[in-house]
Amino acid sequence: MKFFYASAVFVLTLGSSQAADIDNGDDLHFTNCTGCHDDSVYTRENRRVSSLPRLGAQVRFCKDSLGLTWFEDEVEDVIEYLNQTYYHF
């Protein structure tokens, strides 16, 4: 019986996860991030971000610092946009 419930929960969670929306991440980044800095912060030699978890932490820090009211999926969109465009972790 426990196996049945665990299997059901697993299957239900598979359907509810969604891939990040790169285009939305690009739009959010352009609208909210480029007012403070340009893209050179992502490509400079001594950049702060050195892993995907650190990228997530930095995006959340910037979101909170600017008082943005993004939902978690929007945060994930920006993280994925930055990762695919600049970081490639």
PDB file of N, CA and C in Angstrom:
ATOM      1  N   MET A   1       0.817  -1.192   0.000  1.00  0.00           N
ATOM      2  CA  MET A   1       0.000   0.000   0.000  1.00  0.00           C
ATOM      3  C   MET A   1       0.867   1.265   0.000  1.00  0.00           C
ATOM      4  N   LYS A   2       1.934   1.258   0.803  1.00  0.00           N
ATOM      5  CA  LYS A   2       2.832   2.416   0.823  1.00  0.00           C
ATOM      6  C   LYS A   2       3.445   2.639  -0.552  1.00  0.00           C
ATOM      7  N   PHE A   3       3.782   1.530  -1.213  1.00  0.00           N
ATOM      8  CA  PHE A   3       4.371   1.620  -2.541  1.00  0.00           C
ATOM      9  C   PHE A   3       3.399   2.301  -3.506  1.00  0.00           C
ATOM     10  N   PHE A   4       2.123   1.952  -3.415  1.00  0.00           N
ATOM     11  CA  PHE A   4       1.114   2.553  -4.277  1.00  0.00           C
ATOM     12  C   PHE A   4       1.059   4.064  -4.091  1.00  0.00           C
ATOM     13  N   TYR A   5       0.999   4.513  -2.846  1.00  0.00           N
ATOM     14  CA  TYR A   5       0.931   5.951  -2.579  1.00  0.00           C
ATOM     15  C   TYR A   5       2.201   6.669  -3.030  1.00  0.00           C
ATOM     16  N   ALA A   6       3.334   6.065  -2.765  1.00  0.00           N
ATOM     17  CA  ALA A   6       4.597   6.671  -3.190  1.00  0.00           C
ATOM     18  C   ALA A   6       4.661   6.765  -4.709  1.00  0.00           C
ATOM     19  N   SER A   7       4.212   5.723  -5.382  1.00  0.00           N
ATOM     20  CA  SER A   7       4.207   5.729  -6.848  1.00  0.00           C
ATOM     21  C   SER A   7       3.256   6.788  -7.392  1.00  0.00           C
ATOM     22  N   ALA A   8       2.087   6.900  -6.770  1.00  0.00           N
ATOM     23  CA  ALA A   8       1.107   7.889  -7.218  1.00  0.00           C
ATOM     24  C   ALA A   8       1.641   9.309  -7.050  1.00  0.00           C
ATOM     25  N   VAL A   9       2.260   9.583  -5.930  1.00  0.00           N
ATOM     26  CA  VAL A   9       2.835  10.908  -5.691  1.00  0.00           C
ATOM     27  C   VAL A   9       3.929  11.195  -6.705  1.00  0.00           C
ATOM     28  N   PHE A  10       4.773  10.217  -6.974  1.00  0.00           N
ATOM     29  CA  PHE A  10       5.853  10.378  -7.941  1.00  0.00           C
ATOM     30  C   PHE A  10       5.304  10.715  -9.323  1.00  0.00           C
ATOM     31  N   VAL A  11       4.305   9.978  -9.768  1.00  0.00           N
ATOM     32  CA  VAL A  11       3.728  10.206 -11.090  1.00  0.00           C
ATOM     33  C   VAL A  11       3.067  11.582 -11.160  1.00  0.00           C
ATOM     34  N   LEU A  12       2.369  11.975 -10.128  1.00  0.00           N
ATOM     35  CA  LEU A  12       1.710  13.282 -10.125  1.00  0.00           C
ATOM     36  C   LEU A  12       2.707  14.428 -10.152  1.00  0.00           C
ATOM     37  N   THR A  13       3.817  14.279  -9.468  1.00  0.00           N
ATOM     38  CA  THR A  13       4.810  15.355  -9.461  1.00  0.00           C
ATOM     39  C   THR A  13       5.542  15.458 -10.787  1.00  0.00           C
ATOM     40  N   LEU A  14       5.650  14.360 -11.512  1.00  0.00           N
ATOM     41  CA  LEU A  14       6.285  14.422 -12.826  1.00  0.00           C
ATOM     42  C   LEU A  14       5.512  15.337 -13.764  1.00  0.00           C
ATOM     43  N   GLY A  15       4.204  15.248 -13.732  1.00  0.00           N
ATOM     44  CA  GLY A  15       3.380  16.057 -14.613  1.00  0.00           C
ATOM     45  C   GLY A  15       3.327  17.518 -14.216  1.00  0.00           C
ATOM     46  N   SER A  16       3.599  17.829 -12.967  1.00  0.00           N
ATOM     47  CA  SER A  16       3.460  19.210 -12.523  1.00  0.00           C
ATOM     48  C   SER A  16       4.721  20.042 -12.706  1.00  0.00           C
ATOM     49  N   SER A  17       5.847  19.402 -12.935  1.00  0.00           N
ATOM     50  CA  SER A  17       7.068  20.181 -13.121  1.00  0.00           C
ATOM     51  C   SER A  17       7.111  20.723 -14.545  1.00  0.00           C
ATOM     52  N   GLN A  18       7.550  21.960 -14.684  1.00  0.00           N
ATOM     53  CA  GLN A  18       7.607  22.586 -15.986  1.00  0.00           C
ATOM     54  C   GLN A  18       9.014  23.099 -16.233  1.00  0.00           C
ATOM     55  N   ALA A  19       9.376  23.086 -17.490  1.00  0.00           N
ATOM     56  CA  ALA A  19      10.678  23.619 -17.852  1.00  0.00           C
ATOM     57  C   ALA A  19      10.641  25.139 -17.763  1.00  0.00           C
ATOM     58  N   ALA A  20      11.788  25.704 -17.498  1.00  0.00           N
ATOM     59  CA  ALA A  20      11.887  27.163 -17.415  1.00  0.00           C
ATOM     60  C   ALA A  20      11.609  27.779 -18.786  1.00  0.00           C
ATOM     61  N   ASP A  21      11.047  28.955 -18.783  1.00  0.00           N
ATOM     62  CA  ASP A  21      10.714  29.702 -19.989  1.00  0.00           C
ATOM     63  C   ASP A  21      11.843  30.698 -20.264  1.00  0.00           C
ATOM     64  N   ILE A  22      12.718  30.333 -21.183  1.00  0.00           N
ATOM     65  CA  ILE A  22      13.902  31.134 -21.491  1.00  0.00           C
ATOM     66  C   ILE A  22      13.514  32.520 -22.012  1.00  0.00           C
ATOM     67  N   ASP A  23      12.497  32.577 -22.861  1.00  0.00           N
ATOM     68  CA  ASP A  23      12.074  33.873 -23.407  1.00  0.00           C
ATOM     69  C   ASP A  23      11.567  34.796 -22.300  1.00  0.00           C
ATOM     70  N   ASN A  24      10.809  34.244 -21.362  1.00  0.00           N
ATOM     71  CA  ASN A  24      10.344  35.044 -20.232  1.00  0.00           C
ATOM     72  C   ASN A  24      11.530  35.499 -19.385  1.00  0.00           C
ATOM     73  N   GLY A  25      12.500  34.608 -19.183  1.00  0.00           N
ATOM     74  CA  GLY A  25      13.702  34.972 -18.437  1.00  0.00           C
ATOM     75  C   GLY A  25      14.451  36.113 -19.102  1.00  0.00           C
ATOM     76  N   ASP A  26      14.534  36.069 -20.417  1.00  0.00           N
ATOM     77  CA  ASP A  26      15.182  37.138 -21.176  1.00  0.00           C
ATOM     78  C   ASP A  26      14.434  38.459 -20.977  1.00  0.00           C
ATOM     79  N   ASP A  27      13.122  38.416 -21.079  1.00  0.00           N
ATOM     80  CA  ASP A  27      12.315  39.630 -20.888  1.00  0.00           C
ATOM     81  C   ASP A  27      12.467  40.192 -19.478  1.00  0.00           C
ATOM     82  N   LEU A  28      12.380  39.322 -18.466  1.00  0.00           N
ATOM     83  CA  LEU A  28      12.520  39.772 -17.079  1.00  0.00           C
ATOM     84  C   LEU A  28      13.903  40.361 -16.834  1.00  0.00           C
ATOM     85  N   HIS A  29      14.916  39.706 -17.381  1.00  0.00           N
ATOM     86  CA  HIS A  29      16.290  40.188 -17.242  1.00  0.00           C
ATOM     87  C   HIS A  29      16.438  41.565 -17.873  1.00  0.00           C
ATOM     88  N   PHE A  30      15.965  41.708 -19.101  1.00  0.00           N
ATOM     89  CA  PHE A  30      16.094  42.985 -19.802  1.00  0.00           C
ATOM     90  C   PHE A  30      15.358  44.099 -19.054  1.00  0.00           C
ATOM     91  N   THR A  31      14.163  43.810 -18.588  1.00  0.00           N
ATOM     92  CA  THR A  31      13.332  44.816 -17.928  1.00  0.00           C
ATOM     93  C   THR A  31      13.857  45.207 -16.554  1.00  0.00           C
ATOM     94  N   ASN A  32      14.410  44.250 -15.812  1.00  0.00           N
ATOM     95  CA  ASN A  32      14.726  44.495 -14.405  1.00  0.00           C
ATOM     96  C   ASN A  32      16.209  44.526 -14.053  1.00  0.00           C
ATOM     97  N   CYS A  33      17.042  43.905 -14.843  1.00  0.00           N
ATOM     98  CA  CYS A  33      18.450  43.759 -14.457  1.00  0.00           C
ATOM     99  C   CYS A  33      19.385  44.720 -15.181  1.00  0.00           C
ATOM    100  N   THR A  34      19.088  45.015 -16.422  1.00  0.00           N
ATOM    101  CA  THR A  34      20.023  45.822 -17.211  1.00  0.00           C
ATOM    102  C   THR A  34      20.027  47.292 -16.813  1.00  0.00           C
ATOM    103  N   GLY A  35      19.117  47.707 -15.956  1.00  0.00           N
ATOM    104  CA  GLY A  35      19.162  49.066 -15.429  1.00  0.00           C
ATOM    105  C   GLY A  35      20.283  49.253 -14.429  1.00  0.00           C
ATOM    106  N   CYS A  36      20.714  48.158 -13.797  1.00  0.00           N
ATOM    107  CA  CYS A  36      21.788  48.216 -12.792  1.00  0.00           C
ATOM    108  C   CYS A  36      23.151  47.852 -13.369  1.00  0.00           C
ATOM    109  N   HIS A  37      23.174  46.954 -14.318  1.00  0.00           N
ATOM    110  CA  HIS A  37      24.454  46.506 -14.876  1.00  0.00           C
ATOM    111  C   HIS A  37      24.247  45.973 -16.284  1.00  0.00           C
ATOM    112  N   ASP A  38      25.330  45.945 -17.038  1.00  0.00           N
ATOM    113  CA  ASP A  38      25.259  45.363 -18.372  1.00  0.00           C
ATOM    114  C   ASP A  38      25.695  43.900 -18.312  1.00  0.00           C
ATOM    115  N   ASP A  39      25.784  43.270 -19.456  1.00  0.00           N
ATOM    116  CA  ASP A  39      26.091  41.844 -19.514  1.00  0.00           C
ATOM    117  C   ASP A  39      27.532  41.497 -19.159  1.00  0.00           C
ATOM    118  N   SER A  40      28.394  42.480 -19.041  1.00  0.00           N
ATOM    119  CA  SER A  40      29.802  42.192 -18.756  1.00  0.00           C
ATOM    120  C   SER A  40      30.003  41.541 -17.385  1.00  0.00           C
ATOM    121  N   VAL A  41      29.056  41.719 -16.451  1.00  0.00           N
ATOM    122  CA  VAL A  41      29.213  41.080 -15.136  1.00  0.00           C
ATOM    123  C   VAL A  41      29.153  39.562 -15.245  1.00  0.00           C
ATOM    124  N   TYR A  42      28.543  39.055 -16.313  1.00  0.00           N
ATOM    125  CA  TYR A  42      28.428  37.608 -16.488  1.00  0.00           C
ATOM    126  C   TYR A  42      29.652  37.007 -17.166  1.00  0.00           C
ATOM    127  N   THR A  43      30.391  37.816 -17.887  1.00  0.00           N
ATOM    128  CA  THR A  43      31.495  37.285 -18.683  1.00  0.00           C
ATOM    129  C   THR A  43      32.875  37.701 -18.186  1.00  0.00           C
ATOM    130  N   ARG A  44      32.924  38.559 -17.178  1.00  0.00           N
ATOM    131  CA  ARG A  44      34.234  39.009 -16.692  1.00  0.00           C
ATOM    132  C   ARG A  44      34.987  37.852 -16.035  1.00  0.00           C
ATOM    133  N   GLU A  45      36.287  37.990 -15.998  1.00  0.00           N
ATOM    134  CA  GLU A  45      37.149  36.924 -15.483  1.00  0.00           C
ATOM    135  C   GLU A  45      36.913  36.644 -13.998  1.00  0.00           C
ATOM    136  N   ASN A  46      36.691  37.654 -13.209  1.00  0.00           N
ATOM    137  CA  ASN A  46      36.534  37.483 -11.759  1.00  0.00           C
ATOM    138  C   ASN A  46      35.064  37.534 -11.330  1.00  0.00           C
ATOM    139  N   ARG A  47      34.194  36.901 -12.114  1.00  0.00           N
ATOM    140  CA  ARG A  47      32.768  36.944 -11.786  1.00  0.00           C
ATOM    141  C   ARG A  47      32.466  36.193 -10.494  1.00  0.00           C
ATOM    142  N   ARG A  48      31.412  36.628  -9.802  1.00  0.00           N
ATOM    143  CA  ARG A  48      31.022  36.048  -8.513  1.00  0.00           C
ATOM    144  C   ARG A  48      30.453  34.641  -8.642  1.00  0.00           C
ATOM    145  N   VAL A  49      29.766  34.390  -9.705  1.00  0.00           N
ATOM    146  CA  VAL A  49      29.021  33.144  -9.863  1.00  0.00           C
ATOM    147  C   VAL A  49      29.918  32.065 -10.458  1.00  0.00           C
ATOM    148  N   SER A  50      30.011  30.939  -9.745  1.00  0.00           N
ATOM    149  CA  SER A  50      30.875  29.853 -10.212  1.00  0.00           C
ATOM    150  C   SER A  50      30.162  28.504 -10.240  1.00  0.00           C
ATOM    151  N   SER A  51      28.854  28.499  -9.982  1.00  0.00           N
ATOM    152  CA  SER A  51      28.079  27.257 -10.013  1.00  0.00           C
ATOM    153  C   SER A  51      26.599  27.606 -10.165  1.00  0.00           C
ATOM    154  N   LEU A  52      25.805  26.623 -10.527  1.00  0.00           N
ATOM    155  CA  LEU A  52      24.374  26.851 -10.676  1.00  0.00           C
ATOM    156  C   LEU A  52      23.711  27.262  -9.361  1.00  0.00           C
ATOM    157  N   PRO A  53      24.041  26.631  -8.224  1.00  0.00           N
ATOM    158  CA  PRO A  53      23.456  27.104  -6.962  1.00  0.00           C
ATOM    159  C   PRO A  53      23.828  28.558  -6.638  1.00  0.00           C
ATOM    160  N   ARG A  54      25.044  28.949  -6.959  1.00  0.00           N
ATOM    161  CA  ARG A  54      25.451  30.340  -6.710  1.00  0.00           C
ATOM    162  C   ARG A  54      24.737  31.306  -7.659  1.00  0.00           C
ATOM    163  N   LEU A  55      24.480  30.848  -8.872  1.00  0.00           N
ATOM    164  CA  LEU A  55      23.706  31.666  -9.805  1.00  0.00           C
ATOM    165  C   LEU A  55      22.300  31.894  -9.248  1.00  0.00           C
ATOM    166  N   GLY A  56      21.682  30.832  -8.755  1.00  0.00           N
ATOM    167  CA  GLY A  56      20.358  30.967  -8.152  1.00  0.00           C
ATOM    168  C   GLY A  56      20.365  31.921  -6.976  1.00  0.00           C
ATOM    169  N   ALA A  57      21.372  31.799  -6.133  1.00  0.00           N
ATOM    170  CA  ALA A  57      21.479  32.683  -4.964  1.00  0.00           C
ATOM    171  C   ALA A  57      21.657  34.133  -5.397  1.00  0.00           C
ATOM    172  N   GLN A  58      22.444  34.371  -6.433  1.00  0.00           N
ATOM    173  CA  GLN A  58      22.679  35.740  -6.900  1.00  0.00           C
ATOM    174  C   GLN A  58      21.411  36.342  -7.504  1.00  0.00           C
ATOM    175  N   VAL A  59      20.690  35.561  -8.296  1.00  0.00           N
ATOM    176  CA  VAL A  59      19.440  36.062  -8.882  1.00  0.00           C
ATOM    177  C   VAL A  59      18.448  36.404  -7.772  1.00  0.00           C
ATOM    178  N   ARG A  60      18.344  35.535  -6.776  1.00  0.00           N
ATOM    179  CA  ARG A  60      17.425  35.801  -5.657  1.00  0.00           C
ATOM    180  C   ARG A  60      17.866  37.029  -4.849  1.00  0.00           C
ATOM    181  N   PHE A  61      19.167  37.190  -4.663  1.00  0.00           N
ATOM    182  CA  PHE A  61      19.684  38.370  -3.961  1.00  0.00           C
ATOM    183  C   PHE A  61      19.301  39.648  -4.710  1.00  0.00           C
ATOM    184  N   CYS A  62      19.517  39.643  -6.011  1.00  0.00           N
ATOM    185  CA  CYS A  62      19.182  40.826  -6.814  1.00  0.00           C
ATOM    186  C   CYS A  62      17.676  41.082  -6.795  1.00  0.00           C
ATOM    187  N   LYS A  63      16.879  40.031  -6.914  1.00  0.00           N
ATOM    188  CA  LYS A  63      15.419  40.166  -6.868  1.00  0.00           C
ATOM    189  C   LYS A  63      14.985  40.819  -5.563  1.00  0.00           C
ATOM    190  N   ASP A  64      15.516  40.314  -4.459  1.00  0.00           N
ATOM    191  CA  ASP A  64      15.152  40.854  -3.145  1.00  0.00           C
ATOM    192  C   ASP A  64      15.663  42.281  -2.958  1.00  0.00           C
ATOM    193  N   SER A  65      16.873  42.557  -3.443  1.00  0.00           N
ATOM    194  CA  SER A  65      17.452  43.900  -3.309  1.00  0.00           C
ATOM    195  C   SER A  65      16.638  44.946  -4.059  1.00  0.00           C
ATOM    196  N   LEU A  66      16.086  44.543  -5.189  1.00  0.00           N
ATOM    197  CA  LEU A  66      15.283  45.466  -5.992  1.00  0.00           C
ATOM    198  C   LEU A  66      13.814  45.478  -5.577  1.00  0.00           C
ATOM    199  N   GLY A  67      13.442  44.598  -4.656  1.00  0.00           N
ATOM    200  CA  GLY A  67      12.050  44.531  -4.213  1.00  0.00           C
ATOM    201  C   GLY A  67      11.108  43.981  -5.270  1.00  0.00           C
ATOM    202  N   LEU A  68      11.640  43.133  -6.143  1.00  0.00           N
ATOM    203  CA  LEU A  68      10.809  42.553  -7.198  1.00  0.00           C
ATOM    204  C   LEU A  68       9.878  41.501  -6.609  1.00  0.00           C
ATOM    205  N   THR A  69       8.703  41.396  -7.154  1.00  0.00           N
ATOM    206  CA  THR A  69       7.715  40.438  -6.650  1.00  0.00           C
ATOM    207  C   THR A  69       7.554  39.269  -7.620  1.00  0.00           C
ATOM    208  N   TRP A  70       8.684  38.726  -8.045  1.00  0.00           N
ATOM    209  CA  TRP A  70       8.650  37.581  -8.947  1.00  0.00           C
ATOM    210  C   TRP A  70       8.179  36.343  -8.212  1.00  0.00           C
ATOM    211  N   PHE A  71       7.440  35.503  -8.934  1.00  0.00           N
ATOM    212  CA  PHE A  71       7.122  34.171  -8.447  1.00  0.00           C
ATOM    213  C   PHE A  71       8.343  33.284  -8.653  1.00  0.00           C
ATOM    214  N   GLU A  72       8.373  32.143  -7.992  1.00  0.00           N
ATOM    215  CA  GLU A  72       9.528  31.246  -8.089  1.00  0.00           C
ATOM    216  C   GLU A  72       9.764  30.792  -9.528  1.00  0.00           C
ATOM    217  N   ASP A  73       8.709  30.569 -10.289  1.00  0.00           N
ATOM    218  CA  ASP A  73       8.919  30.147 -11.675  1.00  0.00           C
ATOM    219  C   ASP A  73       9.575  31.257 -12.497  1.00  0.00           C
ATOM    220  N   GLU A  74       9.324  32.504 -12.174  1.00  0.00           N
ATOM    221  CA  GLU A  74       9.979  33.612 -12.866  1.00  0.00           C
ATOM    222  C   GLU A  74      11.458  33.689 -12.487  1.00  0.00           C
ATOM    223  N   VAL A  75      11.751  33.439 -11.225  1.00  0.00           N
ATOM    224  CA  VAL A  75      13.153  33.376 -10.782  1.00  0.00           C
ATOM    225  C   VAL A  75      13.868  32.275 -11.557  1.00  0.00           C
ATOM    226  N   GLU A  76      13.229  31.119 -11.655  1.00  0.00           N
ATOM    227  CA  GLU A  76      13.824  29.995 -12.388  1.00  0.00           C
ATOM    228  C   GLU A  76      14.002  30.329 -13.869  1.00  0.00           C
ATOM    229  N   ASP A  77      13.069  31.085 -14.438  1.00  0.00           N
ATOM    230  CA  ASP A  77      13.203  31.506 -15.837  1.00  0.00           C
ATOM    231  C   ASP A  77      14.458  32.352 -16.031  1.00  0.00           C
ATOM    232  N   VAL A  78      14.697  33.291 -15.131  1.00  0.00           N
ATOM    233  CA  VAL A  78      15.881  34.156 -15.232  1.00  0.00           C
ATOM    234  C   VAL A  78      17.149  33.338 -15.021  1.00  0.00           C
ATOM    235  N   ILE A  79      17.142  32.452 -14.043  1.00  0.00           N
ATOM    236  CA  ILE A  79      18.307  31.594 -13.802  1.00  0.00           C
ATOM    237  C   ILE A  79      18.625  30.783 -15.047  1.00  0.00           C
ATOM    238  N   GLU A  80      17.619  30.179 -15.639  1.00  0.00           N
ATOM    239  CA  GLU A  80      17.849  29.350 -16.828  1.00  0.00           C
ATOM    240  C   GLU A  80      18.301  30.193 -18.012  1.00  0.00           C
ATOM    241  N   TYR A  81      17.718  31.369 -18.174  1.00  0.00           N
ATOM    242  CA  TYR A  81      18.153  32.267 -19.247  1.00  0.00           C
ATOM    243  C   TYR A  81      19.635  32.616 -19.086  1.00  0.00           C
ATOM    244  N   LEU A  82      20.021  33.033 -17.889  1.00  0.00           N
ATOM    245  CA  LEU A  82      21.422  33.403 -17.651  1.00  0.00           C
ATOM    246  C   LEU A  82      22.345  32.209 -17.821  1.00  0.00           C
ATOM    247  N   ASN A  83      21.922  31.058 -17.348  1.00  0.00           N
ATOM    248  CA  ASN A  83      22.765  29.872 -17.463  1.00  0.00           C
ATOM    249  C   ASN A  83      22.964  29.482 -18.927  1.00  0.00           C
ATOM    250  N   GLN A  84      21.901  29.454 -19.691  1.00  0.00           N
ATOM    251  CA  GLN A  84      22.033  29.049 -21.093  1.00  0.00           C
ATOM    252  C   GLN A  84      22.733  30.101 -21.942  1.00  0.00           C
ATOM    253  N   THR A  85      22.579  31.356 -21.582  1.00  0.00           N
ATOM    254  CA  THR A  85      23.158  32.429 -22.389  1.00  0.00           C
ATOM    255  C   THR A  85      24.615  32.710 -22.040  1.00  0.00           C
ATOM    256  N   TYR A  86      24.965  32.643 -20.748  1.00  0.00           N
ATOM    257  CA  TYR A  86      26.296  33.068 -20.316  1.00  0.00           C
ATOM    258  C   TYR A  86      27.106  32.004 -19.578  1.00  0.00           C
ATOM    259  N   TYR A  87      26.515  31.293 -18.667  1.00  0.00           N
ATOM    260  CA  TYR A  87      27.285  30.481 -17.727  1.00  0.00           C
ATOM    261  C   TYR A  87      27.544  29.049 -18.190  1.00  0.00           C
ATOM    262  N   HIS A  88      26.552  28.380 -18.699  1.00  0.00           N
ATOM    263  CA  HIS A  88      26.677  27.005 -19.208  1.00  0.00           C
ATOM    264  C   HIS A  88      27.126  26.004 -18.143  1.00  0.00           C
ATOM    265  N   PHE A  89      26.489  26.038 -16.985  1.00  0.00           N
ATOM    266  CA  PHE A  89      26.809  25.070 -15.922  1.00  0.00           C
ATOM    267  C   PHE A  89      26.185  23.727 -16.231  1.00  0.00           C
TER     268      PHE A  89
END
